[in-house]
Amino acid sequence: MAPTPIKRPLKRRGRSRTSRFLPYLYGGLIAVGFLLFDWAGCALLFPDQAPYRYELTKEGPIAEFPELGLAVPETLMIRKFEVRAEQATGPLAVLHTADPGEGAAPVLLEWQSRTAQPLRTVSGRLADLISLAQAVTRHVPETAVVLGWWDTARQLKLLAGVDVLFDENLGQPLLIPPAWSGRRESIEALEDLFWQVSSDSKPLFDRYLDALLSDPGEGAARLRALAGERQAYVAVRLADAYLLGALRPEHFGVGFRDFPAGGEIHGQVTQVKDWLAENGYRSYAVDKKSLGATRVYFLTDAGAEGTLLARMLPFTSSNPVQLEALRLVANYGGYWVYKLPRVEKAISGDAR
């Protein structure tokens, strides 16, 4: 039987042209990967397929955004984004953010929604915010503290340099259209990364919400406990009522509806009142959303009418001027500003 011949391996003549270029190919792919995840690029991409994305359309110092009307340091960097979805022909929202400095989360300056249903948040008018910030700069002492919804607080710290209780992007509530409710996880991942969401001060913010949901006397005492011994002010807006309802729906029932603006004023008022009466909503407040719409917030349960926040806002069931637990000091468009009384007076409900 002939022995089985041993097969010697063929001598390698050298690396192929493809193998020689592999290191360069891998390096190029890595570089492209880093570029795709550069948040200051054209778009912020996510592998978990959020239904929308943030696209950067413009960035630069404040001097390049005169339309905003902001009186802030020239070095403040502003970025303009559009919220885009694959199926939509136009942007779902247009927003401006400010960069407060290295390592700090972006501050939302303006959110212009282009959808009928709330997306991410319910924002006020930038002109009202500017008026509020200017007044805070002139009249609030440097040693005082301002309480307000976390996004309002961050805006006032940036624009007025005032001390605030909340200085983090808490990212709550996150408003999502019902059609996207099944994709909340991917949306939260997008929002957390883009806005650098933190939860460190969430327990403190929960105490703020508890105060807003209390009756006026107890709520004022809770706010004073949060502020400590310092002179303190509270800034609220009608949008806060809707956001509070989204976070605590079992304790604060609220909704809103936009009515087209224009036409005869008396006829428009009649239309709003007739709709509210037909649906059984007796407590409401009107907020001029824009030149093209009038937004009406309404309370959906009687229990919400007695809360501190409802009493601080111009609902038909309340009168901010006559609120005794806090002292109204100013109204700037959609913002209402109150001064907190001293500790002993806050507990008794006497603001004088």
Protein backbone atom coordinates (compact mmCIF):
# COMPACT_ATOMS: atom_id res chain seq x y z
CA MET A 1 0.00 0.00 0.00
CA ALA A 2 1.50 3.24 -1.10
CA PRO A 3 2.03 5.81 1.64
CA THR A 4 -0.27 8.78 1.67
CA PRO A 5 1.69 11.77 0.46
CA ILE A 6 2.01 14.73 2.83
CA LYS A 7 0.56 17.91 1.34
CA ARG A 8 2.82 20.83 2.02
CA PRO A 9 1.17 24.24 2.43
CA LEU A 10 1.60 26.56 -0.44
CA LYS A 11 4.12 29.31 0.13
CA ARG A 12 2.43 32.70 0.72
CA ARG A 13 3.55 35.04 -2.00
CA GLY A 14 2.56 38.18 -0.08
CA ARG A 15 -0.57 39.98 1.13
CA SER A 16 -3.32 40.64 -1.37
CA ARG A 17 -4.15 44.17 -2.42
CA THR A 18 -7.41 44.01 -0.42
CA SER A 19 -5.71 42.92 2.80
CA ARG A 20 -3.14 45.71 2.48
CA PHE A 21 -5.91 48.32 2.39
CA LEU A 22 -7.99 46.84 5.25
CA PRO A 23 -6.36 48.96 8.01
CA TYR A 24 -7.12 52.13 6.07
CA LEU A 25 -10.69 50.97 5.46
CA TYR A 26 -11.24 50.25 9.14
CA GLY A 27 -9.78 53.60 10.11
CA GLY A 28 -12.05 55.41 7.68
CA LEU A 29 -15.13 53.64 9.03
CA ILE A 30 -14.20 54.58 12.58
CA ALA A 31 -13.75 58.23 11.58
CA VAL A 32 -17.14 58.25 9.85
CA GLY A 33 -18.70 56.76 12.97
CA PHE A 34 -17.37 59.58 15.11
CA LEU A 35 -18.65 62.16 12.65
CA LEU A 36 -22.14 60.66 12.69
CA PHE A 37 -22.32 60.98 16.45
CA ASP A 38 -21.08 64.56 16.55
CA TRP A 39 -24.13 66.31 17.99
CA ALA A 40 -23.18 69.59 16.31
CA GLY A 41 -23.43 67.97 12.88
CA CYS A 42 -26.41 68.02 10.58
CA ALA A 43 -28.38 65.45 12.58
CA LEU A 44 -28.27 63.45 15.78
CA LEU A 45 -28.67 59.78 14.86
CA PHE A 46 -29.73 56.94 17.14
CA PRO A 47 -29.56 53.20 16.49
CA ASP A 48 -32.85 52.52 18.31
CA GLN A 49 -34.89 54.39 15.69
CA ALA A 50 -36.64 57.20 17.53
CA PRO A 51 -39.50 58.47 15.31
CA TYR A 52 -37.95 61.93 15.06
CA ARG A 53 -34.55 63.57 15.23
CA TYR A 54 -32.97 66.96 15.97
CA GLU A 55 -31.31 68.60 12.96
CA LEU A 56 -28.95 71.52 13.50
CA THR A 57 -29.71 74.31 11.00
CA LYS A 58 -27.68 77.21 12.40
CA GLU A 59 -25.25 77.99 15.21
CA GLY A 60 -23.14 80.94 16.29
CA PRO A 61 -22.85 83.77 18.81
CA ILE A 62 -25.92 85.70 19.86
CA ALA A 63 -25.10 88.47 17.36
CA GLU A 64 -26.10 86.09 14.55
CA PHE A 65 -29.61 85.72 16.01
CA PRO A 66 -30.97 89.28 16.26
CA GLU A 67 -34.51 88.00 15.75
CA LEU A 68 -34.46 86.54 19.27
CA GLY A 69 -34.10 89.98 20.87
CA LEU A 70 -31.89 88.73 23.71
CA ALA A 71 -29.63 91.08 25.68
CA VAL A 72 -26.99 88.58 26.76
CA PRO A 73 -23.17 88.40 26.62
CA GLU A 74 -21.79 88.38 23.07
CA THR A 75 -19.98 85.12 23.73
CA LEU A 76 -23.18 83.16 24.37
CA MET A 77 -23.51 80.44 21.73
CA ILE A 78 -26.94 79.84 20.21
CA ARG A 79 -28.08 76.83 18.20
CA LYS A 80 -31.19 76.49 16.06
CA PHE A 81 -32.68 73.06 15.45
CA GLU A 82 -35.57 71.55 13.59
CA VAL A 83 -37.37 68.45 14.84
CA ARG A 84 -37.82 66.19 11.82
CA ALA A 85 -39.66 62.93 11.20
CA GLU A 86 -39.24 60.71 8.15
CA GLN A 87 -42.90 60.88 7.11
CA ALA A 88 -43.32 64.64 7.63
CA THR A 89 -42.63 67.12 4.84
CA GLY A 90 -41.94 69.99 7.24
CA PRO A 91 -40.45 70.30 10.73
CA LEU A 92 -42.52 69.19 13.71
CA ALA A 93 -40.97 71.97 15.78
CA VAL A 94 -38.35 74.71 15.54
CA LEU A 95 -36.28 75.52 18.61
CA HIS A 96 -33.39 77.62 19.85
CA THR A 97 -31.01 76.54 22.59
CA ALA A 98 -28.24 78.33 24.44
CA ASP A 99 -24.93 76.84 25.53
CA PRO A 100 -24.31 78.02 29.12
CA GLY A 101 -20.75 76.72 29.18
CA GLU A 102 -18.52 73.69 29.06
CA GLY A 103 -20.09 70.64 30.67
CA ALA A 104 -23.50 72.29 31.20
CA ALA A 105 -26.69 71.01 29.61
CA PRO A 106 -28.25 73.18 26.88
CA VAL A 107 -30.94 75.67 27.89
CA LEU A 108 -34.11 75.79 25.83
CA LEU A 109 -34.90 79.36 24.84
CA GLU A 110 -37.81 78.87 22.49
CA TRP A 111 -39.86 75.92 21.26
CA GLN A 112 -42.19 76.59 18.34
CA SER A 113 -44.42 73.57 17.86
CA ARG A 114 -45.86 72.91 14.40
CA THR A 115 -48.13 70.04 15.48
CA ALA A 116 -51.67 69.99 16.86
CA GLN A 117 -50.71 67.62 19.69
CA PRO A 118 -48.04 68.47 22.27
CA LEU A 119 -44.58 67.15 21.45
CA ARG A 120 -42.00 67.01 24.24
CA THR A 121 -43.23 70.13 26.06
CA VAL A 122 -45.64 73.06 26.10
CA SER A 123 -43.65 76.26 25.78
CA GLY A 124 -44.48 79.89 26.36
CA ARG A 125 -43.62 82.94 24.27
CA LEU A 126 -40.02 84.11 24.14
CA ALA A 127 -41.08 87.78 24.34
CA ASP A 128 -42.78 87.11 27.69
CA LEU A 129 -39.69 85.31 28.98
CA ILE A 130 -37.47 88.23 27.97
CA SER A 131 -39.74 90.70 29.81
CA LEU A 132 -39.68 88.48 32.88
CA ALA A 133 -35.88 88.14 32.80
CA GLN A 134 -35.41 91.90 32.45
CA ALA A 135 -37.68 92.54 35.44
CA VAL A 136 -35.90 89.93 37.54
CA THR A 137 -32.56 91.54 36.70
CA ARG A 138 -33.81 94.96 37.84
CA HIS A 139 -35.89 94.09 40.90
CA VAL A 140 -34.83 90.76 42.43
CA PRO A 141 -31.97 91.09 44.96
CA GLU A 142 -28.80 89.11 44.31
CA THR A 143 -29.29 87.26 47.60
CA ALA A 144 -32.82 86.10 46.68
CA VAL A 145 -33.83 82.80 45.11
CA VAL A 146 -36.43 82.25 42.39
CA LEU A 147 -38.62 79.15 42.34
CA GLY A 148 -40.34 77.95 39.21
CA TRP A 149 -40.70 75.04 36.82
CA TRP A 150 -37.25 73.59 36.15
CA ASP A 151 -37.02 74.89 32.57
CA THR A 152 -38.17 78.39 33.57
CA ALA A 153 -35.62 78.37 36.40
CA ARG A 154 -32.76 77.48 34.04
CA GLN A 155 -33.83 80.19 31.59
CA LEU A 156 -33.88 82.84 34.32
CA LYS A 157 -30.48 81.80 35.61
CA LEU A 158 -29.04 82.15 32.10
CA LEU A 159 -30.77 85.39 31.13
CA ALA A 160 -30.96 87.18 34.49
CA GLY A 161 -28.13 85.63 36.49
CA VAL A 162 -30.49 84.94 39.38
CA ASP A 163 -30.10 82.11 41.88
CA VAL A 164 -32.63 79.33 41.27
CA LEU A 165 -33.65 76.15 43.02
CA PHE A 166 -33.48 73.89 39.95
CA ASP A 167 -30.53 74.04 37.56
CA GLU A 168 -30.79 70.73 35.71
CA ASN A 169 -32.61 69.47 32.66
CA LEU A 170 -35.05 67.14 34.39
CA GLY A 171 -36.79 66.29 31.13
CA GLN A 172 -40.22 65.82 32.70
CA PRO A 173 -42.90 65.52 31.72
CA LEU A 174 -42.03 64.14 28.30
CA LEU A 175 -45.13 64.69 26.16
CA ILE A 176 -45.55 62.12 23.38
CA PRO A 177 -48.38 61.94 20.82
CA PRO A 178 -50.53 58.82 21.30
CA ALA A 179 -49.38 57.42 17.96
CA TRP A 180 -45.83 57.13 19.37
CA SER A 181 -46.71 55.74 22.80
CA GLY A 182 -45.21 52.37 21.87
CA ARG A 183 -41.86 53.99 21.10
CA ARG A 184 -41.40 55.84 24.37
CA GLU A 185 -38.17 54.02 25.21
CA SER A 186 -36.40 55.14 22.05
CA ILE A 187 -37.78 58.68 22.44
CA GLU A 188 -36.53 58.88 26.03
CA ALA A 189 -33.08 57.73 24.88
CA LEU A 190 -33.02 60.52 22.27
CA GLU A 191 -34.20 63.16 24.72
CA ASP A 192 -31.86 62.09 27.52
CA LEU A 193 -28.81 62.31 25.27
CA PHE A 194 -29.72 65.50 23.41
CA TRP A 195 -30.73 67.47 26.52
CA GLN A 196 -28.27 65.81 28.93
CA VAL A 197 -31.15 64.95 31.26
CA SER A 198 -30.33 64.53 34.95
CA SER A 199 -32.44 63.24 37.83
CA ASP A 200 -30.28 64.43 40.74
CA SER A 201 -32.73 67.16 41.79
CA LYS A 202 -35.89 65.18 41.01
CA PRO A 203 -36.73 64.55 44.71
CA LEU A 204 -36.50 68.29 45.35
CA PHE A 205 -38.67 69.01 42.30
CA ASP A 206 -41.25 66.49 43.55
CA ARG A 207 -41.51 68.55 46.74
CA TYR A 208 -42.14 71.62 44.59
CA LEU A 209 -44.96 69.77 42.82
CA ASP A 210 -46.41 68.71 46.19
CA ALA A 211 -46.51 72.38 47.19
CA LEU A 212 -48.34 73.39 44.00
CA LEU A 213 -50.93 70.65 44.60
CA SER A 214 -51.59 71.66 48.21
CA ASP A 215 -54.16 74.18 49.37
CA PRO A 216 -52.81 77.75 49.27
CA GLY A 217 -51.82 78.05 52.94
CA GLU A 218 -50.04 74.71 53.13
CA GLY A 219 -48.54 75.13 49.67
CA ALA A 220 -47.01 78.49 50.57
CA ALA A 221 -45.47 76.96 53.69
CA ARG A 222 -43.99 74.14 51.64
CA LEU A 223 -42.50 76.59 49.16
CA ARG A 224 -40.98 78.57 51.99
CA ALA A 225 -39.44 75.38 53.38
CA LEU A 226 -37.81 74.78 50.00
CA ALA A 227 -36.47 78.34 49.80
CA GLY A 228 -35.11 78.42 53.33
CA GLU A 229 -34.52 81.76 55.05
CA ARG A 230 -33.71 83.73 51.92
CA GLN A 231 -36.00 86.21 50.24
CA ALA A 232 -37.85 84.19 47.62
CA TYR A 233 -40.05 84.64 44.55
CA VAL A 234 -42.15 82.19 42.57
CA ALA A 235 -42.75 82.46 38.80
CA VAL A 236 -45.54 80.40 37.24
CA ARG A 237 -47.26 80.28 33.85
CA LEU A 238 -50.39 78.68 32.43
CA ALA A 239 -48.32 76.01 30.70
CA ASP A 240 -47.20 74.84 34.16
CA ALA A 241 -50.78 73.78 34.87
CA TYR A 242 -50.79 71.48 31.86
CA LEU A 243 -47.36 70.07 32.69
CA LEU A 244 -48.41 69.46 36.29
CA GLY A 245 -51.46 67.59 35.06
CA ALA A 246 -49.25 65.41 32.87
CA LEU A 247 -47.07 64.48 35.87
CA ARG A 248 -49.84 64.13 38.45
CA PRO A 249 -53.03 63.37 36.48
CA GLU A 250 -54.70 61.75 39.48
CA HIS A 251 -54.43 65.01 41.45
CA PHE A 252 -54.72 67.74 38.83
CA GLY A 253 -57.07 67.36 35.88
CA VAL A 254 -56.38 69.86 33.09
CA GLY A 255 -56.49 70.15 29.32
CA PHE A 256 -56.28 72.74 26.58
CA ARG A 257 -57.73 73.49 23.18
CA ASP A 258 -56.54 75.91 20.51
CA PHE A 259 -59.15 78.10 18.83
CA PRO A 260 -58.35 79.90 15.56
CA ALA A 261 -57.74 83.61 16.13
CA GLY A 262 -59.15 86.36 14.00
CA GLY A 263 -62.62 87.55 13.20
CA GLU A 264 -64.95 89.41 15.53
CA ILE A 265 -63.83 89.25 19.19
CA HIS A 266 -67.31 88.85 20.65
CA GLY A 267 -68.06 85.96 18.33
CA GLN A 268 -64.83 84.23 19.24
CA VAL A 269 -65.51 84.60 22.96
CA THR A 270 -68.99 83.18 22.48
CA GLN A 271 -67.56 80.20 20.58
CA VAL A 272 -65.09 79.45 23.39
CA LYS A 273 -67.69 79.76 26.14
CA ASP A 274 -70.21 77.62 24.27
CA TRP A 275 -67.65 74.85 23.76
CA LEU A 276 -66.62 74.91 27.43
CA ALA A 277 -70.23 74.81 28.59
CA GLU A 278 -71.07 71.91 26.27
CA ASN A 279 -68.22 69.90 27.77
CA GLY A 280 -68.93 70.87 31.38
CA TYR A 281 -65.73 72.87 32.00
CA ARG A 282 -66.46 75.80 34.29
CA SER A 283 -62.93 76.90 35.20
CA TYR A 284 -60.71 78.07 32.36
CA ALA A 285 -58.05 80.58 31.42
CA VAL A 286 -57.24 82.10 28.03
CA ASP A 287 -53.67 82.33 26.78
CA LYS A 288 -52.91 83.98 23.45
CA LYS A 289 -50.66 81.34 21.92
CA SER A 290 -49.72 83.22 18.74
CA LEU A 291 -51.16 85.48 16.09
CA GLY A 292 -52.92 82.48 14.58
CA ALA A 293 -54.47 80.80 17.61
CA THR A 294 -55.87 81.35 21.08
CA ARG A 295 -55.18 78.62 23.62
CA VAL A 296 -57.72 77.90 26.33
CA TYR A 297 -56.65 75.88 29.37
CA PHE A 298 -59.45 74.30 31.39
CA LEU A 299 -59.64 72.33 34.63
CA THR A 300 -61.39 68.99 34.26
CA ASP A 301 -62.19 68.34 37.93
CA ALA A 302 -63.37 70.59 40.74
CA GLY A 303 -60.64 69.37 43.08
CA ALA A 304 -57.95 71.09 41.03
CA GLU A 305 -59.58 74.49 41.54
CA GLY A 306 -58.52 74.66 45.19
CA THR A 307 -54.82 73.93 44.63
CA LEU A 308 -52.16 76.58 45.06
CA LEU A 309 -51.16 76.56 41.39
CA ALA A 310 -54.74 77.00 40.15
CA ARG A 311 -55.18 79.89 42.55
CA MET A 312 -51.95 81.51 41.33
CA LEU A 313 -53.11 81.50 37.71
CA PRO A 314 -55.94 83.51 36.09
CA PHE A 315 -58.55 80.74 35.91
CA THR A 316 -62.15 81.89 36.13
CA SER A 317 -62.42 80.12 39.51
CA SER A 318 -59.53 82.12 41.02
CA ASN A 319 -58.28 85.67 41.47
CA PRO A 320 -54.49 86.01 41.77
CA VAL A 321 -54.78 89.56 43.10
CA GLN A 322 -56.78 88.35 46.10
CA LEU A 323 -54.56 85.38 46.92
CA GLU A 324 -53.57 85.79 50.56
CA ALA A 325 -51.01 82.98 50.94
CA LEU A 326 -48.64 84.67 48.44
CA ARG A 327 -48.31 88.27 47.28
CA LEU A 328 -48.65 88.96 43.56
CA VAL A 329 -45.94 91.40 42.48
CA ALA A 330 -46.05 91.33 38.67
CA ASN A 331 -47.54 89.79 35.54
CA TYR A 332 -45.45 89.59 32.35
CA GLY A 333 -47.55 88.15 29.55
CA GLY A 334 -48.05 84.50 30.42
CA TYR A 335 -45.90 84.67 33.60
CA TRP A 336 -47.21 85.50 37.08
CA VAL A 337 -44.67 86.39 39.76
CA TYR A 338 -45.28 86.14 43.51
CA LYS A 339 -43.23 86.99 46.57
CA LEU A 340 -43.06 84.39 49.31
CA PRO A 341 -43.95 85.65 52.78
CA ARG A 342 -41.86 84.95 55.84
CA VAL A 343 -41.99 81.50 57.40
CA GLU A 344 -44.43 82.31 60.18
CA LYS A 345 -46.77 84.17 57.82
CA ALA A 346 -46.64 81.43 55.17
CA ILE A 347 -47.84 78.89 57.74
CA SER A 348 -50.74 81.09 58.84
CA GLY A 349 -51.64 82.00 55.25
CA ASP A 350 -51.31 85.73 55.92
CA ALA A 351 -49.08 87.43 53.36
CA ARG A 352 -49.27 90.94 54.77
